[in-house]
Structure formats: C-alpha cells, structure tokens
C-alpha cells in the first residue's frame, strides 16, 4: 500500500475534542472515543504540503476563491456521481450543520414543521428545536437486519403536520443505509406532491462500498433540483472538519437568494483561508488516498466486529440525548 494507515498517531494534548475532552463531557478519563466523526489518520500528503506553503506565506487575511477552486470540486462530483454542478449554485459555509440551521431559518417560519427520520444525526433535532420549529419524526423501521423507510407514515406526517421542510440524510447517519434510487425517487415524489423543500445532507457520499451506489438526490430528477439544498463537504472524506469548510449547492435561484440573505444575517461571509487551501488540494490530489483508505476500512470491518465480540472490556457508552 502507498499509505500507512496502520501508523498510530498520538492525539493526546492536541486539543482534540474526542481525546482531550472526555472528562469535561462526563465520560471516564481514557475512554476509547468512538462517538465523533473524525479519523485518526493523517490527511493526504498534498493537503499537508499545501497548508505548509500557505502557512509559510505568513499572511491569513480575508480570502475568496477563483475558478481554479471550483474546477477540481466539480470534476470530483462529476467523476464520482455523474453530477454536473454549476459554479453559481455553490454557497460555502463553515459546516453542514451550520448550513442546515441556515436553511431552516431561510425556508420556514417559527412554528413551522420540519421532518426528520429517526434515528438520525442528533444536530438535526437540535437545529430544528433551537430555531423554534416543530420537529416531526417519521421513524425508520428496522426490518430483517436493516433500516427501511415507512413511506405511508412519511407522507401522512407531511399531510397531518403541514410539513414545510424535510432533512434527508443520504447516506444515512447513523444507521449506515445508502438509500437506493427507488427509495429516493419515492421520497422525492412525495415531497414534490406536497411542495416540501428538501435539505439533503450528503456529507458521507464518498464512503460507500462495492455493491452500494450513492445517488445525489437533486440529480435524480430535474424537478428535484428545484426543491433541494444539497450539503457536501471535504470534512468527513479527507478528515478536514476542523478547517470549517462545506459546499452547499442550490440550483434554484430564489432559494439560493434566501439562503444567502440568511447567511448575511448571521454575519458570515468569507470562508476560512486555510480551509479553502486544504479543500482545493484534497479534491485535486486526494483520489488515490481515498481509494486506498476505503479498501483499508472495508478490510478491517471484520476485525472491529471480532474485537467488540471478544473483548469484554470494550463497553460502549451511549451518548445521552442524541437521537
């Protein structure tokens, strides 16, 4: 292998949220952290080198991007998912959760209903409720070893609660489902029928394995493109979460204008200068690293399962209130 993913990197005393803040978060000191989505693997060398070059320049002023930033990003999405995006669709934010909260405020009013599918990434609930919206849950159904969508319940919840916005998690976190094309089409047609805007969190789109294809929701039908805010980021793919850069694609000009207006209300404009550098380098040079990483992870899944089954002390401590 070209990359040494077996190398153990000590992250203690680096202000790492998962390693240095267990006690502050009510967990035993030294607990093995499995709850936060950053990897204990170094980023591609080209990303580190790009950041070093930028650091040596020594000036970190307000920064924006030229066309050479968009080119590798759009090429990545086209090569990976046959999704052809336009530069004018792109809005950069410091994170996907930030974008979801912005979308909730942009497209709904206080008291409006927003739909989720639990169990789901806990910030979905927090962003809905903390912004004064009504949380509506259409729970996933666990059947024959995997989670499925109850489409009848999904549509009825939209009708009964006059749902304005749906937060789609695709692929789904934490249940691990890569939604099929047919499943997404059924969801999308229901949302079209009832004029529901879809915020598609597709941050894990690069982590699918053989036999599972990720379909970009907005790319499945021309009509979906008009009702969708697609949230992507290099943070999970390349372990760049701390650099605060996400890419939000909004094809509908009216929705994009409302989203940008809400961004200005928060006081956000320029992106993290080093986040831009890292993201551009990752999408330009990171394909071989990711290909090898996915093969490595797939090959170690059985080892992880066996470790948890055979190690009595490997007790999982469930985070509280995170559904």
C-alpha atoms as a PDB file:
ATOM      1  CA  UNK A   1       0.000   0.000   0.000  1.00  0.00           C
ATOM      2  CA  UNK A   2       1.174   3.514  -0.755  1.00  0.00           C
ATOM      3  CA  UNK A   3      -0.225   4.880   2.524  1.00  0.00           C
ATOM      4  CA  UNK A   4       0.499   3.701   6.071  1.00  0.00           C
ATOM      5  CA  UNK A   5      -2.929   3.675   7.663  1.00  0.00           C
ATOM      6  CA  UNK A   6      -1.684   1.384  10.448  1.00  0.00           C
ATOM      7  CA  UNK A   7       0.549   4.073  11.926  1.00  0.00           C
ATOM      8  CA  UNK A   8      -0.705   5.055  15.384  1.00  0.00           C
ATOM      9  CA  UNK A   9      -0.721   8.820  15.849  1.00  0.00           C
ATOM     10  CA  UNK A  10      -0.883  10.174  19.394  1.00  0.00           C
ATOM     11  CA  UNK A  11      -3.575  12.830  19.501  1.00  0.00           C
ATOM     12  CA  UNK A  12      -3.459  13.442  23.239  1.00  0.00           C
ATOM     13  CA  UNK A  13      -2.774  17.043  24.269  1.00  0.00           C
ATOM     14  CA  UNK A  14      -3.618  18.446  20.836  1.00  0.00           C
ATOM     15  CA  UNK A  15      -6.964  19.952  21.904  1.00  0.00           C
ATOM     16  CA  UNK A  16      -8.653  17.046  20.154  1.00  0.00           C
ATOM     17  CA  UNK A  17     -12.330  17.037  21.056  1.00  0.00           C
ATOM     18  CA  UNK A  18     -12.541  13.251  21.114  1.00  0.00           C
ATOM     19  CA  UNK A  19      -9.342  12.590  23.087  1.00  0.00           C
ATOM     20  CA  UNK A  20      -8.780  15.602  25.339  1.00  0.00           C
ATOM     21  CA  UNK A  21     -12.334  16.405  26.477  1.00  0.00           C
ATOM     22  CA  UNK A  22     -13.775  13.099  27.704  1.00  0.00           C
ATOM     23  CA  UNK A  23     -13.937  14.177  31.361  1.00  0.00           C
ATOM     24  CA  UNK A  24     -15.490  17.545  30.515  1.00  0.00           C
ATOM     25  CA  UNK A  25     -18.188  15.644  28.625  1.00  0.00           C
ATOM     26  CA  UNK A  26     -18.966  13.368  31.542  1.00  0.00           C
ATOM     27  CA  UNK A  27     -17.026  10.301  30.390  1.00  0.00           C
ATOM     28  CA  UNK A  28     -14.254   8.359  32.177  1.00  0.00           C
ATOM     29  CA  UNK A  29     -10.706   9.565  31.541  1.00  0.00           C
ATOM     30  CA  UNK A  30      -9.017   7.391  28.955  1.00  0.00           C
ATOM     31  CA  UNK A  31     -12.243   6.059  27.435  1.00  0.00           C
ATOM     32  CA  UNK A  32     -11.815   4.984  23.811  1.00  0.00           C
ATOM     33  CA  UNK A  33     -13.742   7.590  21.775  1.00  0.00           C
ATOM     34  CA  UNK A  34     -15.960   6.183  19.035  1.00  0.00           C
ATOM     35  CA  UNK A  35     -18.596   8.908  19.030  1.00  0.00           C
ATOM     36  CA  UNK A  36     -17.187  11.687  16.887  1.00  0.00           C
ATOM     37  CA  UNK A  37     -16.636  11.520  13.147  1.00  0.00           C
ATOM     38  CA  UNK A  38     -13.008  12.377  12.657  1.00  0.00           C
ATOM     39  CA  UNK A  39     -10.402   9.802  11.717  1.00  0.00           C
ATOM     40  CA  UNK A  40      -7.123   9.070  13.478  1.00  0.00           C
ATOM     41  CA  UNK A  41      -5.401   9.085  10.092  1.00  0.00           C
ATOM     42  CA  UNK A  42      -3.281  11.781   8.523  1.00  0.00           C
ATOM     43  CA  UNK A  43      -4.670  13.661   5.544  1.00  0.00           C
ATOM     44  CA  UNK A  44      -3.164  13.170   2.069  1.00  0.00           C
ATOM     45  CA  UNK A  45       0.398  14.500   1.934  1.00  0.00           C
ATOM     46  CA  UNK A  46      -0.517  17.028  -0.765  1.00  0.00           C
ATOM     47  CA  UNK A  47      -3.032  18.610   1.627  1.00  0.00           C
ATOM     48  CA  UNK A  48      -0.450  18.984   4.387  1.00  0.00           C
ATOM     49  CA  UNK A  49       2.059  20.380   1.908  1.00  0.00           C
ATOM     50  CA  UNK A  50      -0.438  22.927   0.600  1.00  0.00           C
ATOM     51  CA  UNK A  51      -1.190  24.058   4.154  1.00  0.00           C
ATOM     52  CA  UNK A  52       2.530  24.353   4.949  1.00  0.00           C
ATOM     53  CA  UNK A  53       3.095  26.507   1.861  1.00  0.00           C
ATOM     54  CA  UNK A  54       0.185  28.750   2.838  1.00  0.00           C
ATOM     55  CA  UNK A  55       1.477  28.988   6.425  1.00  0.00           C
ATOM     56  CA  UNK A  56       4.970  29.942   5.275  1.00  0.00           C
ATOM     57  CA  UNK A  57       3.478  32.849   3.367  1.00  0.00           C
ATOM     58  CA  UNK A  58       2.597  34.180   6.799  1.00  0.00           C
ATOM     59  CA  UNK A  59      -0.482  36.251   5.992  1.00  0.00           C
ATOM     60  CA  UNK A  60      -4.012  34.988   6.644  1.00  0.00           C
ATOM     61  CA  UNK A  61      -6.224  37.836   5.507  1.00  0.00           C
ATOM     62  CA  UNK A  62      -9.733  37.756   4.101  1.00  0.00           C
ATOM     63  CA  UNK A  63      -9.819  35.220   1.294  1.00  0.00           C
ATOM     64  CA  UNK A  64     -12.054  34.171  -1.570  1.00  0.00           C
ATOM     65  CA  UNK A  65     -11.675  31.754  -4.486  1.00  0.00           C
ATOM     66  CA  UNK A  66     -11.075  31.895  -8.234  1.00  0.00           C
ATOM     67  CA  UNK A  67     -12.230  29.439 -10.894  1.00  0.00           C
ATOM     68  CA  UNK A  68      -9.328  27.073 -10.129  1.00  0.00           C
ATOM     69  CA  UNK A  69     -11.040  26.289  -6.814  1.00  0.00           C
ATOM     70  CA  UNK A  70     -14.319  25.195  -8.378  1.00  0.00           C
ATOM     71  CA  UNK A  71     -12.780  23.086 -11.149  1.00  0.00           C
ATOM     72  CA  UNK A  72     -11.461  20.159  -9.027  1.00  0.00           C
ATOM     73  CA  UNK A  73     -14.590  20.179  -6.859  1.00  0.00           C
ATOM     74  CA  UNK A  74     -16.945  19.983  -9.844  1.00  0.00           C
ATOM     75  CA  UNK A  75     -14.752  17.357 -11.508  1.00  0.00           C
ATOM     76  CA  UNK A  76     -14.835  15.260  -8.316  1.00  0.00           C
ATOM     77  CA  UNK A  77     -18.642  15.343  -8.179  1.00  0.00           C
ATOM     78  CA  UNK A  78     -18.939  14.510 -11.869  1.00  0.00           C
ATOM     79  CA  UNK A  79     -16.425  11.664 -11.736  1.00  0.00           C
ATOM     80  CA  UNK A  80     -17.860  10.227  -8.528  1.00  0.00           C
ATOM     81  CA  UNK A  81     -21.606  10.669  -9.003  1.00  0.00           C
ATOM     82  CA  UNK A  82     -22.178  11.871 -12.593  1.00  0.00           C
ATOM     83  CA  UNK A  83     -23.427  15.122 -11.074  1.00  0.00           C
ATOM     84  CA  UNK A  84     -22.682  18.205 -13.136  1.00  0.00           C
ATOM     85  CA  UNK A  85     -22.829  21.273 -10.919  1.00  0.00           C
ATOM     86  CA  UNK A  86     -22.563  24.941 -11.815  1.00  0.00           C
ATOM     87  CA  UNK A  87     -20.379  27.460 -10.043  1.00  0.00           C
ATOM     88  CA  UNK A  88     -23.294  29.790  -9.421  1.00  0.00           C
ATOM     89  CA  UNK A  89     -25.072  27.072  -7.415  1.00  0.00           C
ATOM     90  CA  UNK A  90     -22.284  26.951  -4.852  1.00  0.00           C
ATOM     91  CA  UNK A  91     -22.508  28.611  -1.446  1.00  0.00           C
ATOM     92  CA  UNK A  92     -19.703  27.985   1.038  1.00  0.00           C
ATOM     93  CA  UNK A  93     -20.424  27.665   4.755  1.00  0.00           C
ATOM     94  CA  UNK A  94     -18.272  26.733   7.775  1.00  0.00           C
ATOM     95  CA  UNK A  95     -20.085  23.408   8.154  1.00  0.00           C
ATOM     96  CA  UNK A  96     -23.051  21.291   7.115  1.00  0.00           C
ATOM     97  CA  UNK A  97     -24.832  21.696  10.468  1.00  0.00           C
ATOM     98  CA  UNK A  98     -24.411  25.466  10.076  1.00  0.00           C
ATOM     99  CA  UNK A  99     -25.962  25.156   6.597  1.00  0.00           C
ATOM    100  CA  UNK A 100     -28.878  23.074   7.880  1.00  0.00           C
ATOM    101  CA  UNK A 101     -29.652  25.657  10.565  1.00  0.00           C
ATOM    102  CA  UNK A 102     -29.397  28.403   7.953  1.00  0.00           C
ATOM    103  CA  UNK A 103     -31.781  26.531   5.649  1.00  0.00           C
ATOM    104  CA  UNK A 104     -34.303  26.035   8.452  1.00  0.00           C
ATOM    105  CA  UNK A 105     -34.378  29.775   9.113  1.00  0.00           C
ATOM    106  CA  UNK A 106     -34.369  30.615   5.391  1.00  0.00           C
ATOM    107  CA  UNK A 107     -37.301  28.473   4.272  1.00  0.00           C
ATOM    108  CA  UNK A 108     -39.538  28.134   7.327  1.00  0.00           C
ATOM    109  CA  UNK A 109     -41.083  30.392   9.954  1.00  0.00           C
ATOM    110  CA  UNK A 110     -41.216  29.861  13.699  1.00  0.00           C
ATOM    111  CA  UNK A 111     -43.742  27.160  14.479  1.00  0.00           C
ATOM    112  CA  UNK A 112     -43.479  25.523  11.046  1.00  0.00           C
ATOM    113  CA  UNK A 113     -42.943  21.768  10.886  1.00  0.00           C
ATOM    114  CA  UNK A 114     -39.664  20.179   9.809  1.00  0.00           C
ATOM    115  CA  UNK A 115     -39.494  16.425   9.192  1.00  0.00           C
ATOM    116  CA  UNK A 116     -36.683  14.033  10.097  1.00  0.00           C
ATOM    117  CA  UNK A 117     -36.258  10.244  10.105  1.00  0.00           C
ATOM    118  CA  UNK A 118     -35.003   8.979  13.457  1.00  0.00           C
ATOM    119  CA  UNK A 119     -32.651   7.520  14.469  1.00  0.00           C
ATOM    120  CA  UNK A 120     -30.629  10.273  12.826  1.00  0.00           C
ATOM    121  CA  UNK A 121     -27.667  12.550  13.480  1.00  0.00           C
ATOM    122  CA  UNK A 122     -28.589  14.425  16.671  1.00  0.00           C
ATOM    123  CA  UNK A 123     -27.908  18.011  15.417  1.00  0.00           C
ATOM    124  CA  UNK A 124     -30.911  17.618  13.104  1.00  0.00           C
ATOM    125  CA  UNK A 125     -33.180  17.735  16.160  1.00  0.00           C
ATOM    126  CA  UNK A 126     -31.182  20.462  17.868  1.00  0.00           C
ATOM    127  CA  UNK A 127     -31.234  22.815  14.888  1.00  0.00           C
ATOM    128  CA  UNK A 128     -34.978  22.378  14.427  1.00  0.00           C
ATOM    129  CA  UNK A 129     -35.968  22.896  18.047  1.00  0.00           C
ATOM    130  CA  UNK A 130     -33.421  25.614  18.871  1.00  0.00           C
ATOM    131  CA  UNK A 131     -34.769  27.655  15.957  1.00  0.00           C
ATOM    132  CA  UNK A 132     -38.338  27.438  17.255  1.00  0.00           C
ATOM    133  CA  UNK A 133     -39.637  24.998  14.649  1.00  0.00           C
ATOM    134  CA  UNK A 134     -41.834  21.957  15.221  1.00  0.00           C
ATOM    135  CA  UNK A 135     -39.967  18.669  14.978  1.00  0.00           C
ATOM    136  CA  UNK A 136     -41.878  15.917  13.176  1.00  0.00           C
ATOM    137  CA  UNK A 137     -40.470  12.383  13.140  1.00  0.00           C
ATOM    138  CA  UNK A 138     -41.217   9.678  10.598  1.00  0.00           C
ATOM    139  CA  UNK A 139     -39.154   6.895  12.182  1.00  0.00           C
ATOM    140  CA  UNK A 140     -37.200   4.408  10.160  1.00  0.00           C
ATOM    141  CA  UNK A 141     -38.320   0.805  10.556  1.00  0.00           C
ATOM    142  CA  UNK A 142     -35.823  -1.903  11.492  1.00  0.00           C
ATOM    143  CA  UNK A 143     -36.649  -4.970   9.426  1.00  0.00           C
ATOM    144  CA  UNK A 144     -34.648  -8.092   8.546  1.00  0.00           C
ATOM    145  CA  UNK A 145     -31.366  -6.634   9.754  1.00  0.00           C
ATOM    146  CA  UNK A 146     -31.581  -3.185   8.178  1.00  0.00           C
ATOM    147  CA  UNK A 147     -33.495   0.069   8.443  1.00  0.00           C
ATOM    148  CA  UNK A 148     -36.186   0.941   5.902  1.00  0.00           C
ATOM    149  CA  UNK A 149     -38.461   3.907   5.189  1.00  0.00           C
ATOM    150  CA  UNK A 150     -42.161   3.784   6.045  1.00  0.00           C
ATOM    151  CA  UNK A 151     -43.394   5.740   3.033  1.00  0.00           C
ATOM    152  CA  UNK A 152     -47.035   5.703   4.147  1.00  0.00           C
ATOM    153  CA  UNK A 153     -46.108   7.215   7.503  1.00  0.00           C
ATOM    154  CA  UNK A 154     -43.728   9.657   5.798  1.00  0.00           C
ATOM    155  CA  UNK A 155     -46.463  11.107   3.582  1.00  0.00           C
ATOM    156  CA  UNK A 156     -49.099  11.094   6.311  1.00  0.00           C
ATOM    157  CA  UNK A 157     -46.798  13.009   8.673  1.00  0.00           C
ATOM    158  CA  UNK A 158     -46.300  15.639   5.957  1.00  0.00           C
ATOM    159  CA  UNK A 159     -50.048  15.994   5.455  1.00  0.00           C
ATOM    160  CA  UNK A 160     -51.017  15.969   9.141  1.00  0.00           C
ATOM    161  CA  UNK A 161     -48.370  18.499  10.173  1.00  0.00           C
ATOM    162  CA  UNK A 162     -48.231  20.685   7.060  1.00  0.00           C
ATOM    163  CA  UNK A 163     -44.502  19.994   6.823  1.00  0.00           C
ATOM    164  CA  UNK A 164     -42.514  22.694   5.021  1.00  0.00           C
ATOM    165  CA  UNK A 165     -39.010  21.192   5.095  1.00  0.00           C
ATOM    166  CA  UNK A 166     -37.506  17.688   5.120  1.00  0.00           C
ATOM    167  CA  UNK A 167     -33.977  16.935   6.332  1.00  0.00           C
ATOM    168  CA  UNK A 168     -32.755  13.976   4.285  1.00  0.00           C
ATOM    169  CA  UNK A 169     -29.663  12.098   5.478  1.00  0.00           C
ATOM    170  CA  UNK A 170     -28.155  10.371   2.419  1.00  0.00           C
ATOM    171  CA  UNK A 171     -26.231   8.130   3.119  1.00  0.00           C
ATOM    172  CA  UNK A 172     -27.951   7.853   6.476  1.00  0.00           C
ATOM    173  CA  UNK A 173     -26.094   8.575   9.709  1.00  0.00           C
ATOM    174  CA  UNK A 174     -26.058   6.565  11.957  1.00  0.00           C
ATOM    175  CA  UNK A 175     -27.897   3.542  10.515  1.00  0.00           C
ATOM    176  CA  UNK A 176     -25.498   3.174   7.587  1.00  0.00           C
ATOM    177  CA  UNK A 177     -28.094   2.895   4.830  1.00  0.00           C
ATOM    178  CA  UNK A 178     -27.144   4.027   1.347  1.00  0.00           C
ATOM    179  CA  UNK A 179     -30.607   4.831   0.037  1.00  0.00           C
ATOM    180  CA  UNK A 180     -31.423   3.184  -3.276  1.00  0.00           C
ATOM    181  CA  UNK A 181     -32.528   5.076  -6.347  1.00  0.00           C
ATOM    182  CA  UNK A 182     -36.092   3.775  -5.978  1.00  0.00           C
ATOM    183  CA  UNK A 183     -36.260   4.797  -2.313  1.00  0.00           C
ATOM    184  CA  UNK A 184     -35.063   8.311  -3.093  1.00  0.00           C
ATOM    185  CA  UNK A 185     -37.492   8.632  -6.008  1.00  0.00           C
ATOM    186  CA  UNK A 186     -40.419   7.674  -3.769  1.00  0.00           C
ATOM    187  CA  UNK A 187     -39.332  10.232  -1.167  1.00  0.00           C
ATOM    188  CA  UNK A 188     -38.776  12.883  -3.805  1.00  0.00           C
ATOM    189  CA  UNK A 189     -42.134  12.423  -5.488  1.00  0.00           C
ATOM    190  CA  UNK A 190     -43.929  12.729  -2.138  1.00  0.00           C
ATOM    191  CA  UNK A 191     -42.029  15.954  -1.427  1.00  0.00           C
ATOM    192  CA  UNK A 192     -42.850  17.333  -4.866  1.00  0.00           C
ATOM    193  CA  UNK A 193     -46.523  16.453  -4.432  1.00  0.00           C
ATOM    194  CA  UNK A 194     -46.751  18.346  -1.150  1.00  0.00           C
ATOM    195  CA  UNK A 195     -44.351  21.186  -2.012  1.00  0.00           C
ATOM    196  CA  UNK A 196     -41.798  20.229   0.638  1.00  0.00           C
ATOM    197  CA  UNK A 197     -38.280  21.658   0.363  1.00  0.00           C
ATOM    198  CA  UNK A 198     -35.529  19.065   0.852  1.00  0.00           C
ATOM    199  CA  UNK A 199     -32.244  19.723   2.634  1.00  0.00           C
ATOM    200  CA  UNK A 200     -30.080  16.761   1.623  1.00  0.00           C
ATOM    201  CA  UNK A 201     -27.153  16.109   3.951  1.00  0.00           C
ATOM    202  CA  UNK A 202     -24.833  14.124   1.661  1.00  0.00           C
ATOM    203  CA  UNK A 203     -21.631  14.644   3.624  1.00  0.00           C
ATOM    204  CA  UNK A 204     -20.910  10.884   3.705  1.00  0.00           C
ATOM    205  CA  UNK A 205     -21.385  10.445  -0.050  1.00  0.00           C
ATOM    206  CA  UNK A 206     -17.770   9.366  -0.614  1.00  0.00           C
ATOM    207  CA  UNK A 207     -17.974   6.495   1.905  1.00  0.00           C
ATOM    208  CA  UNK A 208     -19.896   3.818   0.070  1.00  0.00           C
ATOM    209  CA  UNK A 209     -18.580   0.354  -0.652  1.00  0.00           C
ATOM    210  CA  UNK A 210     -18.884  -2.116  -3.563  1.00  0.00           C
ATOM    211  CA  UNK A 211     -22.487  -3.083  -4.169  1.00  0.00           C
ATOM    212  CA  UNK A 212     -23.820   0.241  -2.914  1.00  0.00           C
ATOM    213  CA  UNK A 213     -24.201   3.298  -5.146  1.00  0.00           C
ATOM    214  CA  UNK A 214     -24.691   6.792  -3.794  1.00  0.00           C
ATOM    215  CA  UNK A 215     -27.265   8.764  -5.761  1.00  0.00           C
ATOM    216  CA  UNK A 216     -27.277  12.540  -5.390  1.00  0.00           C
ATOM    217  CA  UNK A 217     -30.913  13.283  -4.591  1.00  0.00           C
ATOM    218  CA  UNK A 218     -31.049  16.538  -6.566  1.00  0.00           C
ATOM    219  CA  UNK A 219     -29.633  14.785  -9.617  1.00  0.00           C
ATOM    220  CA  UNK A 220     -32.335  12.113  -9.909  1.00  0.00           C
ATOM    221  CA  UNK A 221     -34.994  14.339 -11.491  1.00  0.00           C
ATOM    222  CA  UNK A 222     -34.954  17.821 -12.933  1.00  0.00           C
ATOM    223  CA  UNK A 223     -37.820  18.768 -10.585  1.00  0.00           C
ATOM    224  CA  UNK A 224     -35.827  17.682  -7.522  1.00  0.00           C
ATOM    225  CA  UNK A 225     -33.055  20.092  -8.396  1.00  0.00           C
ATOM    226  CA  UNK A 226     -35.533  22.926  -7.955  1.00  0.00           C
ATOM    227  CA  UNK A 227     -36.536  21.976  -4.399  1.00  0.00           C
ATOM    228  CA  UNK A 228     -33.210  20.799  -2.978  1.00  0.00           C
ATOM    229  CA  UNK A 229     -30.372  22.241  -0.936  1.00  0.00           C
ATOM    230  CA  UNK A 230     -27.514  19.718  -1.226  1.00  0.00           C
ATOM    231  CA  UNK A 231     -24.958  19.797   1.578  1.00  0.00           C
ATOM    232  CA  UNK A 232     -21.470  18.398   0.911  1.00  0.00           C
ATOM    233  CA  UNK A 233     -18.038  18.848   2.452  1.00  0.00           C
ATOM    234  CA  UNK A 234     -14.469  17.528   2.351  1.00  0.00           C
ATOM    235  CA  UNK A 235     -14.501  17.247   6.150  1.00  0.00           C
ATOM    236  CA  UNK A 236     -15.549  13.594   6.546  1.00  0.00           C
ATOM    237  CA  UNK A 237     -13.902  12.374   3.336  1.00  0.00           C
ATOM    238  CA  UNK A 238     -10.468  13.876   3.999  1.00  0.00           C
ATOM    239  CA  UNK A 239     -10.548  14.453   7.777  1.00  0.00           C
ATOM    240  CA  UNK A 240     -10.704  18.243   7.484  1.00  0.00           C
ATOM    241  CA  UNK A 241     -13.533  19.024   9.919  1.00  0.00           C
ATOM    242  CA  UNK A 242     -11.507  21.497  11.971  1.00  0.00           C
ATOM    243  CA  UNK A 243     -10.838  23.664   8.933  1.00  0.00           C
ATOM    244  CA  UNK A 244     -14.506  24.669   8.698  1.00  0.00           C
ATOM    245  CA  UNK A 245     -15.405  24.463   5.019  1.00  0.00           C
ATOM    246  CA  UNK A 246     -18.525  22.996   3.399  1.00  0.00           C
ATOM    247  CA  UNK A 247     -20.011  23.223  -0.088  1.00  0.00           C
ATOM    248  CA  UNK A 248     -23.744  23.820  -0.370  1.00  0.00           C
ATOM    249  CA  UNK A 249     -25.324  23.529  -3.826  1.00  0.00           C
ATOM    250  CA  UNK A 250     -28.619  25.329  -4.518  1.00  0.00           C
ATOM    251  CA  UNK A 251     -29.748  25.322  -8.162  1.00  0.00           C
ATOM    252  CA  UNK A 252     -32.967  27.244  -7.549  1.00  0.00           C
ATOM    253  CA  UNK A 253     -32.048  30.921  -7.757  1.00  0.00           C
ATOM    254  CA  UNK A 254     -34.845  32.050  -5.415  1.00  0.00           C
ATOM    255  CA  UNK A 255     -33.900  29.513  -2.743  1.00  0.00           C
ATOM    256  CA  UNK A 256     -30.234  30.426  -3.127  1.00  0.00           C
ATOM    257  CA  UNK A 257     -31.020  34.121  -2.687  1.00  0.00           C
ATOM    258  CA  UNK A 258     -32.987  33.446   0.514  1.00  0.00           C
ATOM    259  CA  UNK A 259     -30.204  31.209   1.840  1.00  0.00           C
ATOM    260  CA  UNK A 260     -27.547  33.842   1.161  1.00  0.00           C
ATOM    261  CA  UNK A 261     -29.705  36.513   2.772  1.00  0.00           C
ATOM    262  CA  UNK A 262     -29.883  34.426   5.948  1.00  0.00           C
ATOM    263  CA  UNK A 263     -26.105  33.919   5.830  1.00  0.00           C
ATOM    264  CA  UNK A 264     -25.660  37.669   5.899  1.00  0.00           C
ATOM    265  CA  UNK A 265     -27.984  37.887   8.912  1.00  0.00           C
ATOM    266  CA  UNK A 266     -25.584  35.634  10.792  1.00  0.00           C
ATOM    267  CA  UNK A 267     -22.664  37.871   9.828  1.00  0.00           C
ATOM    268  CA  UNK A 268     -20.900  35.169   7.820  1.00  0.00           C
ATOM    269  CA  UNK A 269     -19.169  35.942   4.522  1.00  0.00           C
ATOM    270  CA  UNK A 270     -15.540  34.873   3.839  1.00  0.00           C
ATOM    271  CA  UNK A 271     -14.503  31.254   4.331  1.00  0.00           C
ATOM    272  CA  UNK A 272     -11.600  30.006   6.434  1.00  0.00           C
ATOM    273  CA  UNK A 273      -8.500  30.787   4.362  1.00  0.00           C
ATOM    274  CA  UNK A 274      -6.711  27.534   5.213  1.00  0.00           C
ATOM    275  CA  UNK A 275      -9.899  25.538   4.758  1.00  0.00           C
ATOM    276  CA  UNK A 276     -10.039  26.737   1.162  1.00  0.00           C
ATOM    277  CA  UNK A 277      -6.413  25.696   0.596  1.00  0.00           C
ATOM    278  CA  UNK A 278      -6.941  22.245   2.093  1.00  0.00           C
ATOM    279  CA  UNK A 279     -10.193  21.608   0.246  1.00  0.00           C
ATOM    280  CA  UNK A 280      -8.754  22.519  -3.147  1.00  0.00           C
ATOM    281  CA  UNK A 281      -5.711  20.299  -2.599  1.00  0.00           C
ATOM    282  CA  UNK A 282      -7.859  17.395  -1.386  1.00  0.00           C
ATOM    283  CA  UNK A 283     -10.181  17.407  -4.379  1.00  0.00           C
ATOM    284  CA  UNK A 284      -7.239  17.862  -6.743  1.00  0.00           C
ATOM    285  CA  UNK A 285      -4.927  15.147  -5.415  1.00  0.00           C
ATOM    286  CA  UNK A 286      -6.908  13.047  -2.932  1.00  0.00           C
ATOM    287  CA  UNK A 287      -8.457  10.341  -5.120  1.00  0.00           C
ATOM    288  CA  UNK A 288      -5.686   7.707  -4.728  1.00  0.00           C
ATOM    289  CA  UNK A 289      -5.594   8.275  -0.952  1.00  0.00           C
ATOM    290  CA  UNK A 290      -9.374   7.839  -0.638  1.00  0.00           C
ATOM    291  CA  UNK A 291      -9.448   4.747  -2.855  1.00  0.00           C
ATOM    292  CA  UNK A 292      -6.823   3.054  -0.711  1.00  0.00           C
ATOM    293  CA  UNK A 293      -8.429   4.241   2.519  1.00  0.00           C
ATOM    294  CA  UNK A 294     -11.802   2.723   1.596  1.00  0.00           C
ATOM    295  CA  UNK A 295     -10.160  -0.584   0.745  1.00  0.00           C
ATOM    296  CA  UNK A 296      -8.336  -0.480   4.083  1.00  0.00           C
ATOM    297  CA  UNK A 297     -11.501   0.287   6.051  1.00  0.00           C
ATOM    298  CA  UNK A 298     -13.504  -2.397   4.286  1.00  0.00           C
ATOM    299  CA  UNK A 299     -10.785  -4.934   5.012  1.00  0.00           C
ATOM    300  CA  UNK A 300     -10.811  -4.105   8.726  1.00  0.00           C
ATOM    301  CA  UNK A 301     -14.547  -4.226   9.366  1.00  0.00           C
ATOM    302  CA  UNK A 302     -14.427  -7.886  10.359  1.00  0.00           C
ATOM    303  CA  UNK A 303     -11.529  -7.187  12.740  1.00  0.00           C
ATOM    304  CA  UNK A 304     -13.559  -4.490  14.506  1.00  0.00           C
ATOM    305  CA  UNK A 305     -16.593  -6.759  14.824  1.00  0.00           C
ATOM    306  CA  UNK A 306     -14.455  -9.561  16.227  1.00  0.00           C
ATOM    307  CA  UNK A 307     -12.743  -7.206  18.702  1.00  0.00           C
ATOM    308  CA  UNK A 308     -16.069  -5.963  20.065  1.00  0.00           C
ATOM    309  CA  UNK A 309     -17.384  -9.521  20.331  1.00  0.00           C
ATOM    310  CA  UNK A 310     -14.291 -10.928  22.036  1.00  0.00           C
ATOM    311  CA  UNK A 311     -13.287  -8.047  24.328  1.00  0.00           C
ATOM    312  CA  UNK A 312     -15.481  -7.824  27.456  1.00  0.00           C
ATOM    313  CA  UNK A 313     -13.970  -4.503  28.500  1.00  0.00           C
ATOM    314  CA  UNK A 314     -14.976  -2.897  25.197  1.00  0.00           C
ATOM    315  CA  UNK A 315     -18.156  -1.477  26.695  1.00  0.00           C
ATOM    316  CA  UNK A 316     -19.891   1.081  24.525  1.00  0.00           C
ATOM    317  CA  UNK A 317     -21.030   4.155  26.462  1.00  0.00           C
ATOM    318  CA  UNK A 318     -24.064   5.604  24.705  1.00  0.00           C
ATOM    319  CA  UNK A 319     -24.161   9.396  24.336  1.00  0.00           C
ATOM    320  CA  UNK A 320     -27.240  10.818  26.050  1.00  0.00           C
ATOM    321  CA  UNK A 321     -29.984  12.665  24.211  1.00  0.00           C
ATOM    322  CA  UNK A 322     -28.543  12.093  20.761  1.00  0.00           C
ATOM    323  CA  UNK A 323     -31.279  10.672  18.561  1.00  0.00           C
END
